[in-house]
N, C-alpha and C. Protein backbone atom coordinates (compact mmCIF):
# COMPACT_ATOMS: atom_id res chain seq x y z
N MET A 1 -29.35 92.51 -29.73
CA MET A 1 -30.59 91.96 -30.30
C MET A 1 -31.79 92.66 -29.69
N GLY A 2 -32.70 93.08 -30.52
CA GLY A 2 -33.90 93.72 -30.03
C GLY A 2 -34.91 92.71 -29.53
N LYS A 3 -35.99 93.19 -28.96
CA LYS A 3 -37.07 92.29 -28.57
C LYS A 3 -38.33 92.68 -29.32
N LEU A 4 -39.19 91.69 -29.53
CA LEU A 4 -40.42 91.91 -30.27
C LEU A 4 -41.55 92.19 -29.29
N THR A 5 -42.19 93.33 -29.46
CA THR A 5 -43.30 93.71 -28.59
C THR A 5 -44.57 93.88 -29.42
N LEU A 6 -45.67 93.47 -28.84
CA LEU A 6 -46.98 93.62 -29.47
C LEU A 6 -47.83 94.55 -28.63
N THR A 7 -48.40 95.58 -29.24
CA THR A 7 -49.36 96.45 -28.57
C THR A 7 -50.72 96.21 -29.21
N ALA A 8 -51.68 95.77 -28.38
CA ALA A 8 -52.97 95.33 -28.91
C ALA A 8 -54.11 95.94 -28.11
N PHE A 9 -55.15 96.37 -28.83
CA PHE A 9 -56.37 96.90 -28.22
C PHE A 9 -57.44 95.81 -28.26
N VAL A 10 -58.10 95.57 -27.13
CA VAL A 10 -59.19 94.59 -27.10
C VAL A 10 -60.34 95.13 -26.25
N THR A 11 -61.55 94.68 -26.58
CA THR A 11 -62.70 94.95 -25.73
C THR A 11 -62.71 93.96 -24.57
N LEU A 12 -63.63 94.14 -23.63
CA LEU A 12 -63.70 93.20 -22.51
C LEU A 12 -64.04 91.79 -22.95
N ASP A 13 -64.72 91.65 -24.09
CA ASP A 13 -65.01 90.31 -24.60
C ASP A 13 -64.01 89.88 -25.67
N GLY A 14 -62.87 90.55 -25.71
CA GLY A 14 -61.76 90.09 -26.53
C GLY A 14 -61.73 90.53 -27.97
N VAL A 15 -62.66 91.38 -28.40
CA VAL A 15 -62.70 91.81 -29.80
C VAL A 15 -61.52 92.74 -30.09
N HIS A 16 -60.86 92.48 -31.20
CA HIS A 16 -59.66 93.22 -31.59
C HIS A 16 -59.89 93.99 -32.90
N GLN A 17 -61.02 93.79 -33.51
CA GLN A 17 -61.28 94.28 -34.87
C GLN A 17 -61.63 95.77 -34.89
N ALA A 18 -60.97 96.49 -35.76
CA ALA A 18 -61.31 97.88 -36.11
C ALA A 18 -61.49 98.81 -34.92
N PRO A 19 -60.49 98.93 -34.05
CA PRO A 19 -60.65 99.87 -32.93
C PRO A 19 -60.60 101.33 -33.35
N GLY A 20 -59.96 101.62 -34.52
CA GLY A 20 -59.65 103.00 -34.84
C GLY A 20 -60.67 103.80 -35.62
N GLY A 21 -61.63 103.13 -36.28
CA GLY A 21 -62.59 103.88 -37.07
C GLY A 21 -63.63 103.00 -37.72
N PRO A 22 -64.78 103.56 -38.10
CA PRO A 22 -65.89 102.77 -38.67
C PRO A 22 -65.52 102.01 -39.93
N ASP A 23 -64.63 102.55 -40.75
CA ASP A 23 -64.29 101.90 -42.02
C ASP A 23 -62.93 101.21 -41.99
N GLU A 24 -62.38 101.05 -40.82
CA GLU A 24 -61.06 100.43 -40.70
C GLU A 24 -61.10 98.97 -41.15
N ASP A 25 -62.13 98.25 -40.76
CA ASP A 25 -62.24 96.83 -41.14
C ASP A 25 -63.68 96.39 -40.95
N ARG A 26 -64.43 96.36 -42.06
CA ARG A 26 -65.83 95.94 -42.00
C ARG A 26 -66.02 94.47 -42.39
N SER A 27 -64.94 93.72 -42.50
CA SER A 27 -65.05 92.32 -42.91
C SER A 27 -65.93 91.55 -41.94
N GLY A 28 -66.68 90.58 -42.52
CA GLY A 28 -67.61 89.81 -41.70
C GLY A 28 -68.84 90.60 -41.29
N GLY A 29 -69.06 91.75 -41.94
CA GLY A 29 -70.21 92.58 -41.60
C GLY A 29 -70.06 93.35 -40.30
N PHE A 30 -68.82 93.56 -39.86
CA PHE A 30 -68.58 94.24 -38.58
C PHE A 30 -69.02 95.70 -38.66
N GLU A 31 -69.86 96.12 -37.71
CA GLU A 31 -70.48 97.45 -37.75
C GLU A 31 -70.03 98.37 -36.62
N TYR A 32 -69.10 97.93 -35.80
CA TYR A 32 -68.79 98.68 -34.58
C TYR A 32 -67.39 99.29 -34.59
N GLY A 33 -66.83 99.50 -35.76
CA GLY A 33 -65.49 100.07 -35.85
C GLY A 33 -65.40 101.44 -35.19
N GLY A 34 -64.25 101.70 -34.57
CA GLY A 34 -64.03 102.97 -33.88
C GLY A 34 -64.35 102.93 -32.41
N TRP A 35 -64.46 101.73 -31.86
CA TRP A 35 -64.89 101.60 -30.45
C TRP A 35 -63.87 102.11 -29.43
N SER A 36 -62.62 102.31 -29.85
CA SER A 36 -61.63 102.82 -28.89
C SER A 36 -61.67 104.34 -28.76
N PHE A 37 -62.27 105.02 -29.74
CA PHE A 37 -62.21 106.49 -29.82
C PHE A 37 -62.72 107.20 -28.55
N PRO A 38 -63.84 106.78 -27.95
CA PRO A 38 -64.34 107.52 -26.78
C PRO A 38 -63.42 107.48 -25.57
N TYR A 39 -62.40 106.63 -25.60
CA TYR A 39 -61.55 106.44 -24.42
C TYR A 39 -60.19 107.11 -24.56
N ASP A 40 -60.05 107.95 -25.57
CA ASP A 40 -58.81 108.68 -25.75
C ASP A 40 -58.70 109.76 -24.68
N ASP A 41 -57.55 109.85 -24.03
CA ASP A 41 -57.31 110.89 -23.03
C ASP A 41 -55.81 111.10 -22.88
N GLU A 42 -55.42 111.96 -21.98
CA GLU A 42 -54.00 112.27 -21.81
C GLU A 42 -53.21 111.04 -21.36
N ASP A 43 -53.80 110.23 -20.48
CA ASP A 43 -53.10 109.03 -20.00
C ASP A 43 -52.84 108.06 -21.15
N PHE A 44 -53.84 107.88 -22.01
CA PHE A 44 -53.70 106.99 -23.15
C PHE A 44 -52.61 107.51 -24.09
N GLY A 45 -52.64 108.80 -24.37
CA GLY A 45 -51.65 109.40 -25.25
C GLY A 45 -50.25 109.28 -24.69
N GLN A 46 -50.10 109.45 -23.40
CA GLN A 46 -48.79 109.32 -22.77
C GLN A 46 -48.24 107.92 -22.92
N PHE A 47 -49.09 106.92 -22.73
CA PHE A 47 -48.64 105.54 -22.89
C PHE A 47 -48.19 105.27 -24.32
N VAL A 48 -48.98 105.70 -25.28
CA VAL A 48 -48.63 105.48 -26.69
C VAL A 48 -47.30 106.15 -27.02
N ASN A 49 -47.09 107.37 -26.53
CA ASN A 49 -45.83 108.06 -26.78
C ASN A 49 -44.65 107.28 -26.19
N GLU A 50 -44.84 106.73 -25.00
CA GLU A 50 -43.78 105.95 -24.36
C GLU A 50 -43.43 104.72 -25.19
N VAL A 51 -44.46 104.06 -25.72
CA VAL A 51 -44.22 102.87 -26.54
C VAL A 51 -43.40 103.22 -27.78
N PHE A 52 -43.83 104.23 -28.50
CA PHE A 52 -43.13 104.60 -29.74
C PHE A 52 -41.73 105.13 -29.47
N ASP A 53 -41.50 105.68 -28.31
CA ASP A 53 -40.17 106.18 -27.97
C ASP A 53 -39.15 105.05 -27.90
N ARG A 54 -39.60 103.82 -27.65
CA ARG A 54 -38.69 102.67 -27.53
C ARG A 54 -38.51 101.92 -28.86
N ALA A 55 -39.18 102.36 -29.90
CA ALA A 55 -39.16 101.63 -31.17
C ALA A 55 -37.81 101.70 -31.86
N GLY A 56 -37.43 100.53 -32.45
CA GLY A 56 -36.25 100.49 -33.30
C GLY A 56 -36.62 100.13 -34.73
N ALA A 57 -37.78 99.47 -34.88
CA ALA A 57 -38.31 99.09 -36.19
C ALA A 57 -39.73 98.61 -35.97
N PHE A 58 -40.47 98.45 -37.09
CA PHE A 58 -41.87 98.04 -37.01
C PHE A 58 -42.12 96.83 -37.91
N LEU A 59 -42.92 95.91 -37.40
CA LEU A 59 -43.35 94.74 -38.15
C LEU A 59 -44.87 94.74 -38.16
N LEU A 60 -45.47 94.76 -39.35
CA LEU A 60 -46.91 94.92 -39.47
C LEU A 60 -47.49 93.90 -40.44
N GLY A 61 -48.73 93.49 -40.17
CA GLY A 61 -49.47 92.72 -41.15
C GLY A 61 -49.91 93.63 -42.28
N ARG A 62 -50.29 93.03 -43.40
CA ARG A 62 -50.60 93.84 -44.58
C ARG A 62 -51.72 94.84 -44.31
N HIS A 63 -52.81 94.41 -43.69
CA HIS A 63 -53.95 95.31 -43.51
C HIS A 63 -53.58 96.49 -42.62
N THR A 64 -52.92 96.23 -41.50
CA THR A 64 -52.51 97.32 -40.61
C THR A 64 -51.52 98.23 -41.31
N TYR A 65 -50.60 97.64 -42.07
CA TYR A 65 -49.63 98.45 -42.81
C TYR A 65 -50.34 99.41 -43.76
N GLU A 66 -51.33 98.93 -44.49
CA GLU A 66 -52.03 99.77 -45.45
C GLU A 66 -52.77 100.91 -44.75
N ILE A 67 -53.33 100.63 -43.57
CA ILE A 67 -53.99 101.69 -42.80
C ILE A 67 -52.97 102.75 -42.38
N PHE A 68 -51.84 102.29 -41.83
CA PHE A 68 -50.79 103.22 -41.38
C PHE A 68 -50.24 104.02 -42.56
N ALA A 69 -49.98 103.31 -43.69
CA ALA A 69 -49.37 103.96 -44.84
C ALA A 69 -50.29 105.00 -45.48
N GLY A 70 -51.60 104.85 -45.25
CA GLY A 70 -52.54 105.81 -45.80
C GLY A 70 -52.68 107.07 -44.95
N PHE A 71 -52.08 107.06 -43.76
CA PHE A 71 -52.24 108.19 -42.85
C PHE A 71 -50.92 108.82 -42.42
N TRP A 72 -50.01 108.02 -41.86
CA TRP A 72 -48.86 108.60 -41.18
C TRP A 72 -47.86 109.31 -42.09
N PRO A 73 -47.66 108.89 -43.34
CA PRO A 73 -46.74 109.68 -44.19
C PRO A 73 -47.20 111.11 -44.42
N LYS A 74 -48.49 111.37 -44.21
CA LYS A 74 -49.03 112.72 -44.38
C LYS A 74 -48.76 113.60 -43.17
N VAL A 75 -48.36 112.99 -42.05
CA VAL A 75 -48.03 113.75 -40.84
C VAL A 75 -46.53 114.00 -40.90
N THR A 76 -46.14 115.18 -41.30
CA THR A 76 -44.74 115.45 -41.65
C THR A 76 -43.94 116.14 -40.54
N ASP A 77 -44.56 116.42 -39.41
CA ASP A 77 -43.85 117.04 -38.30
C ASP A 77 -42.93 116.01 -37.65
N PRO A 78 -41.61 116.16 -37.76
CA PRO A 78 -40.71 115.17 -37.18
C PRO A 78 -40.78 115.11 -35.66
N ALA A 79 -41.36 116.15 -35.04
CA ALA A 79 -41.48 116.16 -33.59
C ALA A 79 -42.68 115.35 -33.11
N ASN A 80 -43.56 114.96 -34.04
CA ASN A 80 -44.69 114.12 -33.65
C ASN A 80 -44.13 112.78 -33.17
N PRO A 81 -44.43 112.37 -31.92
CA PRO A 81 -43.78 111.18 -31.36
C PRO A 81 -44.12 109.88 -32.06
N VAL A 82 -45.26 109.83 -32.74
CA VAL A 82 -45.64 108.62 -33.48
C VAL A 82 -45.17 108.71 -34.93
N ALA A 83 -45.58 109.77 -35.62
CA ALA A 83 -45.21 109.92 -37.03
C ALA A 83 -43.70 109.99 -37.22
N GLY A 84 -43.01 110.67 -36.31
CA GLY A 84 -41.57 110.79 -36.43
C GLY A 84 -40.89 109.44 -36.47
N LYS A 85 -41.35 108.51 -35.62
CA LYS A 85 -40.77 107.17 -35.58
C LYS A 85 -41.20 106.34 -36.78
N LEU A 86 -42.49 106.35 -37.09
CA LEU A 86 -42.99 105.52 -38.18
C LEU A 86 -42.39 105.93 -39.53
N ASN A 87 -42.21 107.20 -39.74
CA ASN A 87 -41.70 107.66 -41.03
C ASN A 87 -40.19 107.49 -41.17
N ALA A 88 -39.48 107.46 -40.03
CA ALA A 88 -38.02 107.43 -40.09
C ALA A 88 -37.43 106.03 -39.94
N LEU A 89 -38.10 105.15 -39.20
CA LEU A 89 -37.51 103.86 -38.87
C LEU A 89 -37.88 102.78 -39.90
N PRO A 90 -37.10 101.69 -39.94
CA PRO A 90 -37.43 100.59 -40.86
C PRO A 90 -38.80 99.99 -40.54
N LYS A 91 -39.49 99.65 -41.61
CA LYS A 91 -40.81 99.02 -41.50
C LYS A 91 -40.80 97.73 -42.32
N TYR A 92 -41.33 96.67 -41.74
CA TYR A 92 -41.42 95.38 -42.40
C TYR A 92 -42.89 94.98 -42.47
N VAL A 93 -43.34 94.58 -43.63
CA VAL A 93 -44.72 94.14 -43.78
C VAL A 93 -44.69 92.67 -44.19
N ALA A 94 -45.37 91.84 -43.40
CA ALA A 94 -45.40 90.40 -43.65
C ALA A 94 -46.59 90.09 -44.56
N SER A 95 -46.30 89.66 -45.76
CA SER A 95 -47.37 89.37 -46.72
C SER A 95 -46.85 88.49 -47.83
N SER A 96 -47.65 87.51 -48.23
CA SER A 96 -47.27 86.65 -49.35
C SER A 96 -47.77 87.21 -50.68
N SER A 97 -48.61 88.23 -50.62
CA SER A 97 -49.19 88.76 -51.86
C SER A 97 -48.83 90.22 -52.12
N PHE A 98 -48.34 90.90 -51.12
CA PHE A 98 -48.00 92.32 -51.23
C PHE A 98 -46.57 92.44 -51.76
N THR A 99 -46.37 93.08 -52.87
CA THR A 99 -45.04 93.11 -53.48
C THR A 99 -44.44 94.50 -53.60
N GLU A 100 -45.27 95.53 -53.55
CA GLU A 100 -44.76 96.89 -53.76
C GLU A 100 -45.24 97.80 -52.66
N ALA A 101 -44.31 98.47 -52.00
CA ALA A 101 -44.65 99.36 -50.89
C ALA A 101 -44.08 100.75 -51.17
N ALA A 102 -44.94 101.76 -51.24
CA ALA A 102 -44.50 103.11 -51.57
C ALA A 102 -43.95 103.87 -50.36
N TRP A 103 -44.31 103.44 -49.16
CA TRP A 103 -43.87 104.14 -47.95
C TRP A 103 -42.37 103.93 -47.77
N ALA A 104 -41.62 105.00 -47.71
CA ALA A 104 -40.16 104.92 -47.62
C ALA A 104 -39.74 104.11 -46.40
N GLY A 105 -38.72 103.27 -46.60
CA GLY A 105 -38.19 102.49 -45.49
C GLY A 105 -38.88 101.17 -45.28
N THR A 106 -39.72 100.74 -46.23
CA THR A 106 -40.49 99.52 -46.09
C THR A 106 -39.84 98.35 -46.81
N THR A 107 -39.81 97.20 -46.15
CA THR A 107 -39.37 95.95 -46.74
C THR A 107 -40.48 94.92 -46.60
N VAL A 108 -40.79 94.24 -47.68
CA VAL A 108 -41.80 93.17 -47.65
C VAL A 108 -41.11 91.86 -47.34
N ILE A 109 -41.62 91.12 -46.35
CA ILE A 109 -41.09 89.79 -46.06
C ILE A 109 -42.17 88.77 -46.40
N SER A 110 -41.80 87.77 -47.17
CA SER A 110 -42.78 86.80 -47.65
C SER A 110 -42.28 85.37 -47.59
N GLY A 111 -41.10 85.16 -47.01
CA GLY A 111 -40.55 83.82 -46.92
C GLY A 111 -40.89 83.15 -45.60
N ASP A 112 -39.92 82.46 -45.03
CA ASP A 112 -40.09 81.77 -43.74
C ASP A 112 -40.21 82.82 -42.64
N LEU A 113 -41.41 82.97 -42.07
CA LEU A 113 -41.66 84.04 -41.11
C LEU A 113 -40.74 83.93 -39.91
N GLY A 114 -40.58 82.72 -39.39
CA GLY A 114 -39.75 82.55 -38.21
C GLY A 114 -38.31 82.98 -38.44
N LYS A 115 -37.72 82.53 -39.55
CA LYS A 115 -36.33 82.87 -39.85
C LYS A 115 -36.17 84.35 -40.13
N GLU A 116 -37.12 84.91 -40.89
CA GLU A 116 -36.97 86.32 -41.26
C GLU A 116 -37.15 87.25 -40.07
N VAL A 117 -38.14 86.96 -39.23
CA VAL A 117 -38.37 87.82 -38.06
C VAL A 117 -37.23 87.67 -37.06
N THR A 118 -36.73 86.47 -36.87
CA THR A 118 -35.59 86.28 -35.98
C THR A 118 -34.39 87.08 -36.45
N ALA A 119 -34.14 87.08 -37.76
CA ALA A 119 -33.03 87.86 -38.30
C ALA A 119 -33.24 89.35 -38.11
N ILE A 120 -34.49 89.81 -38.28
CA ILE A 120 -34.78 91.23 -38.07
C ILE A 120 -34.55 91.61 -36.61
N LYS A 121 -35.00 90.77 -35.69
CA LYS A 121 -34.79 91.03 -34.26
C LYS A 121 -33.31 91.15 -33.95
N GLU A 122 -32.51 90.26 -34.52
CA GLU A 122 -31.08 90.26 -34.25
C GLU A 122 -30.39 91.53 -34.75
N ASN A 123 -30.99 92.17 -35.73
CA ASN A 123 -30.38 93.36 -36.32
C ASN A 123 -31.09 94.66 -35.93
N THR A 124 -31.95 94.58 -34.92
CA THR A 124 -32.71 95.76 -34.48
C THR A 124 -32.22 96.20 -33.11
N GLU A 125 -31.90 97.48 -32.99
CA GLU A 125 -31.60 98.06 -31.69
C GLU A 125 -32.88 98.68 -31.15
N GLY A 126 -33.24 98.30 -29.94
CA GLY A 126 -34.52 98.72 -29.39
C GLY A 126 -35.58 97.67 -29.70
N GLU A 127 -36.82 98.10 -29.77
CA GLU A 127 -37.92 97.16 -29.94
C GLU A 127 -38.33 97.03 -31.41
N LEU A 128 -38.57 95.79 -31.82
CA LEU A 128 -39.26 95.52 -33.07
C LEU A 128 -40.73 95.46 -32.71
N GLN A 129 -41.49 96.48 -33.10
CA GLN A 129 -42.85 96.65 -32.59
C GLN A 129 -43.90 96.19 -33.60
N VAL A 130 -44.87 95.43 -33.07
CA VAL A 130 -46.06 95.05 -33.82
C VAL A 130 -47.23 95.81 -33.22
N HIS A 131 -48.00 96.47 -34.07
CA HIS A 131 -49.19 97.18 -33.63
C HIS A 131 -50.38 96.60 -34.39
N GLY A 132 -51.45 96.28 -33.65
CA GLY A 132 -52.60 95.65 -34.30
C GLY A 132 -52.19 94.33 -34.91
N SER A 133 -52.52 94.14 -36.22
CA SER A 133 -52.01 93.00 -36.99
C SER A 133 -52.34 91.66 -36.33
N ALA A 134 -53.63 91.41 -36.08
CA ALA A 134 -54.03 90.24 -35.30
C ALA A 134 -53.58 88.93 -35.92
N ALA A 135 -53.78 88.76 -37.22
CA ALA A 135 -53.39 87.49 -37.86
C ALA A 135 -51.89 87.27 -37.75
N LEU A 136 -51.11 88.32 -37.99
CA LEU A 136 -49.66 88.21 -37.85
C LEU A 136 -49.30 87.89 -36.40
N ALA A 137 -49.95 88.56 -35.46
CA ALA A 137 -49.66 88.32 -34.04
C ALA A 137 -49.87 86.86 -33.68
N GLN A 138 -50.95 86.26 -34.18
CA GLN A 138 -51.22 84.85 -33.87
C GLN A 138 -50.12 83.95 -34.43
N SER A 139 -49.62 84.26 -35.62
CA SER A 139 -48.51 83.49 -36.19
C SER A 139 -47.25 83.66 -35.35
N LEU A 140 -47.00 84.86 -34.88
CA LEU A 140 -45.81 85.11 -34.06
C LEU A 140 -45.91 84.40 -32.72
N PHE A 141 -47.11 84.37 -32.13
CA PHE A 141 -47.30 83.62 -30.89
C PHE A 141 -46.99 82.14 -31.11
N ALA A 142 -47.47 81.60 -32.22
CA ALA A 142 -47.26 80.18 -32.52
C ALA A 142 -45.77 79.85 -32.65
N LEU A 143 -44.97 80.84 -33.05
CA LEU A 143 -43.54 80.65 -33.23
C LEU A 143 -42.73 81.07 -32.00
N ASP A 144 -43.42 81.48 -30.91
CA ASP A 144 -42.76 81.94 -29.69
C ASP A 144 -41.83 83.12 -29.95
N LEU A 145 -42.23 84.00 -30.84
CA LEU A 145 -41.39 85.14 -31.20
C LEU A 145 -41.79 86.43 -30.48
N VAL A 146 -42.93 86.43 -29.81
CA VAL A 146 -43.37 87.63 -29.10
C VAL A 146 -42.73 87.64 -27.71
N ASP A 147 -41.98 88.67 -27.39
CA ASP A 147 -41.34 88.76 -26.08
C ASP A 147 -42.22 89.45 -25.05
N THR A 148 -42.93 90.49 -25.49
CA THR A 148 -43.73 91.30 -24.57
C THR A 148 -45.02 91.72 -25.24
N VAL A 149 -46.12 91.66 -24.48
CA VAL A 149 -47.43 92.11 -24.96
C VAL A 149 -47.91 93.26 -24.09
N HIS A 150 -48.28 94.36 -24.72
CA HIS A 150 -49.01 95.43 -24.05
C HIS A 150 -50.48 95.26 -24.45
N LEU A 151 -51.28 94.81 -23.51
CA LEU A 151 -52.69 94.52 -23.80
C LEU A 151 -53.55 95.62 -23.18
N LEU A 152 -54.20 96.40 -24.04
CA LEU A 152 -55.06 97.49 -23.59
C LEU A 152 -56.51 97.04 -23.66
N SER A 153 -57.13 96.88 -22.49
CA SER A 153 -58.51 96.41 -22.41
C SER A 153 -59.43 97.60 -22.21
N PHE A 154 -60.34 97.79 -23.16
CA PHE A 154 -61.26 98.92 -23.13
C PHE A 154 -62.58 98.50 -22.48
N PRO A 155 -63.18 99.37 -21.68
CA PRO A 155 -64.39 99.01 -20.94
C PRO A 155 -65.65 99.03 -21.80
N VAL A 156 -65.67 98.13 -22.79
CA VAL A 156 -66.82 98.02 -23.68
C VAL A 156 -66.93 96.57 -24.14
N VAL A 157 -68.15 96.10 -24.32
CA VAL A 157 -68.44 94.75 -24.83
C VAL A 157 -69.20 94.90 -26.14
N LEU A 158 -68.77 94.19 -27.18
CA LEU A 158 -69.41 94.30 -28.50
C LEU A 158 -70.17 93.06 -28.91
N GLY A 159 -69.76 91.89 -28.43
CA GLY A 159 -70.50 90.67 -28.71
C GLY A 159 -70.23 90.04 -30.05
N THR A 160 -69.49 90.72 -30.91
CA THR A 160 -69.16 90.18 -32.23
C THR A 160 -67.88 90.83 -32.71
N GLY A 161 -67.21 90.18 -33.65
CA GLY A 161 -65.97 90.72 -34.19
C GLY A 161 -64.82 89.75 -33.97
N ARG A 162 -63.75 89.93 -34.71
CA ARG A 162 -62.60 89.04 -34.60
C ARG A 162 -61.88 89.24 -33.28
N ARG A 163 -61.44 88.14 -32.71
CA ARG A 163 -60.71 88.16 -31.44
C ARG A 163 -59.21 88.10 -31.68
N LEU A 164 -58.46 88.73 -30.79
CA LEU A 164 -57.00 88.62 -30.86
C LEU A 164 -56.57 87.19 -30.57
N PHE A 165 -57.10 86.63 -29.49
CA PHE A 165 -56.78 85.25 -29.13
C PHE A 165 -57.94 84.38 -29.59
N ALA A 166 -57.87 83.97 -30.85
CA ALA A 166 -58.96 83.23 -31.46
C ALA A 166 -58.88 81.75 -31.07
N GLU A 167 -59.94 81.03 -31.37
CA GLU A 167 -59.97 79.58 -31.16
C GLU A 167 -58.79 78.94 -31.88
N GLY A 168 -58.07 78.08 -31.17
CA GLY A 168 -56.95 77.38 -31.77
C GLY A 168 -55.60 78.04 -31.56
N VAL A 169 -55.56 79.18 -30.85
CA VAL A 169 -54.28 79.83 -30.58
C VAL A 169 -53.41 78.90 -29.74
N VAL A 170 -52.10 78.96 -29.94
CA VAL A 170 -51.18 78.10 -29.20
C VAL A 170 -51.21 78.47 -27.71
N PRO A 171 -51.42 77.49 -26.81
CA PRO A 171 -51.41 77.79 -25.38
C PRO A 171 -50.08 78.43 -24.97
N THR A 172 -50.16 79.56 -24.31
CA THR A 172 -48.97 80.33 -23.97
C THR A 172 -49.14 80.94 -22.58
N ALA A 173 -48.09 80.91 -21.79
CA ALA A 173 -48.10 81.52 -20.46
C ALA A 173 -47.27 82.79 -20.48
N PHE A 174 -47.69 83.75 -19.66
CA PHE A 174 -46.98 85.02 -19.55
C PHE A 174 -46.77 85.36 -18.07
N THR A 175 -45.82 86.23 -17.82
CA THR A 175 -45.67 86.82 -16.50
C THR A 175 -46.11 88.27 -16.57
N HIS A 176 -46.76 88.74 -15.51
CA HIS A 176 -47.27 90.10 -15.48
C HIS A 176 -46.14 91.06 -15.14
N ALA A 177 -45.91 92.05 -15.99
CA ALA A 177 -44.76 92.92 -15.83
C ALA A 177 -45.11 94.37 -15.51
N GLY A 178 -46.39 94.71 -15.52
CA GLY A 178 -46.76 96.08 -15.20
C GLY A 178 -48.21 96.38 -15.53
N ALA A 179 -48.76 97.43 -14.91
CA ALA A 179 -50.15 97.78 -15.16
C ALA A 179 -50.40 99.24 -14.80
N ARG A 180 -51.36 99.81 -15.50
CA ARG A 180 -51.87 101.14 -15.16
C ARG A 180 -53.29 101.23 -15.71
N VAL A 181 -54.05 102.19 -15.24
CA VAL A 181 -55.41 102.42 -15.72
C VAL A 181 -55.54 103.90 -16.08
N THR A 182 -56.07 104.17 -17.27
CA THR A 182 -56.24 105.56 -17.69
C THR A 182 -57.44 106.18 -16.98
N SER A 183 -57.55 107.49 -17.11
CA SER A 183 -58.66 108.20 -16.45
C SER A 183 -60.01 107.79 -17.00
N LYS A 184 -60.05 107.23 -18.22
CA LYS A 184 -61.31 106.78 -18.82
C LYS A 184 -61.51 105.27 -18.72
N GLY A 185 -60.67 104.63 -17.91
CA GLY A 185 -60.93 103.24 -17.60
C GLY A 185 -60.30 102.20 -18.49
N VAL A 186 -59.33 102.58 -19.33
CA VAL A 186 -58.61 101.60 -20.13
C VAL A 186 -57.54 100.95 -19.26
N ALA A 187 -57.62 99.63 -19.09
CA ALA A 187 -56.65 98.90 -18.29
C ALA A 187 -55.50 98.46 -19.19
N ILE A 188 -54.30 98.94 -18.88
CA ILE A 188 -53.12 98.64 -19.68
C ILE A 188 -52.24 97.67 -18.90
N HIS A 189 -52.12 96.46 -19.41
CA HIS A 189 -51.31 95.43 -18.76
C HIS A 189 -50.17 95.02 -19.67
N THR A 190 -49.01 94.83 -19.10
CA THR A 190 -47.84 94.39 -19.83
C THR A 190 -47.47 92.98 -19.37
N TYR A 191 -47.25 92.09 -20.34
CA TYR A 191 -46.94 90.70 -20.05
C TYR A 191 -45.69 90.29 -20.82
N ASP A 192 -44.81 89.54 -20.16
CA ASP A 192 -43.64 88.97 -20.81
C ASP A 192 -43.84 87.48 -21.04
N LEU A 193 -43.36 87.00 -22.17
CA LEU A 193 -43.50 85.59 -22.51
C LEU A 193 -42.82 84.71 -21.46
N ALA A 194 -43.54 83.66 -21.02
CA ALA A 194 -42.99 82.75 -20.02
C ALA A 194 -42.90 81.32 -20.52
N GLY A 195 -43.51 81.01 -21.65
CA GLY A 195 -43.45 79.64 -22.17
C GLY A 195 -44.83 79.02 -22.26
N ARG A 196 -44.91 77.73 -21.99
CA ARG A 196 -46.18 77.02 -22.05
C ARG A 196 -46.86 77.03 -20.68
N PRO A 197 -48.19 76.99 -20.65
CA PRO A 197 -48.89 76.98 -19.36
C PRO A 197 -48.58 75.73 -18.55
N GLU A 198 -48.69 75.87 -17.23
CA GLU A 198 -48.63 74.72 -16.33
C GLU A 198 -50.04 74.42 -15.86
N TYR A 199 -50.28 73.15 -15.49
CA TYR A 199 -51.63 72.73 -15.13
C TYR A 199 -51.61 71.97 -13.81
N GLY A 200 -52.72 71.98 -13.12
CA GLY A 200 -52.84 71.25 -11.86
C GLY A 200 -54.29 71.13 -11.46
N THR A 201 -54.51 70.80 -10.23
CA THR A 201 -55.88 70.67 -9.74
C THR A 201 -55.94 71.12 -8.29
N PHE A 202 -57.07 71.66 -7.90
CA PHE A 202 -57.29 72.02 -6.50
C PHE A 202 -57.95 70.83 -5.81
N GLU A 203 -57.29 70.31 -4.80
CA GLU A 203 -57.83 69.16 -4.08
C GLU A 203 -58.25 69.57 -2.68
N LEU A 204 -59.31 68.93 -2.20
CA LEU A 204 -59.77 69.19 -0.84
C LEU A 204 -58.76 68.64 0.16
N PRO A 205 -58.51 69.35 1.28
CA PRO A 205 -57.61 68.82 2.31
C PRO A 205 -58.14 67.51 2.88
N GLU A 206 -57.26 66.69 3.39
CA GLU A 206 -57.67 65.44 4.02
C GLU A 206 -58.64 65.71 5.16
N GLY A 207 -59.68 64.90 5.22
CA GLY A 207 -60.66 65.05 6.27
C GLY A 207 -61.81 65.96 5.92
N SER A 208 -61.74 66.63 4.73
CA SER A 208 -62.83 67.49 4.32
C SER A 208 -63.98 66.65 3.81
N ALA A 209 -65.20 67.15 3.99
CA ALA A 209 -66.39 66.41 3.54
C ALA A 209 -66.46 66.44 2.02
């Protein structure tokens, strides 16, 4: 059985919207698309290559799928560590309205998300990877289906835009499994699902004023 991993880019104030380009997602009047671009470097590229090297299949939300499908099939070099995996491995797009996918190897899932993703995990060798896909990620968190999160925090604050962990997200605890920082200051943290948060209180020792 494979495990489901999420790789997500966020700003310091938690914005997840349109990291890759100005026209990636302008919904809500968002004007700051492409905010991750200035932080690309060798360290960042090495991490991305490592992630894709572990892929066994991909699970994407409709919007992220359409972005990927508009670019990666045009990169035909099988030695490309990202395109080679995306073009060759199974791809699943979660959508209730998307019915036809031209990208080879794509299956649309539109039924019970929990049952369908669990079945895909059971039949995947390696990682079932989610990239971006914030709305899908939130649904997967709610179903406790995310095993590992790679959270890349970029040293920029935008003040507006959709958040990965939006208001109303299911409370979830993680254990810290690894970290590195790129030469341009992107903090990459890996977290494994631990369950629900625990709560307590800090009390003053006896005799304290």
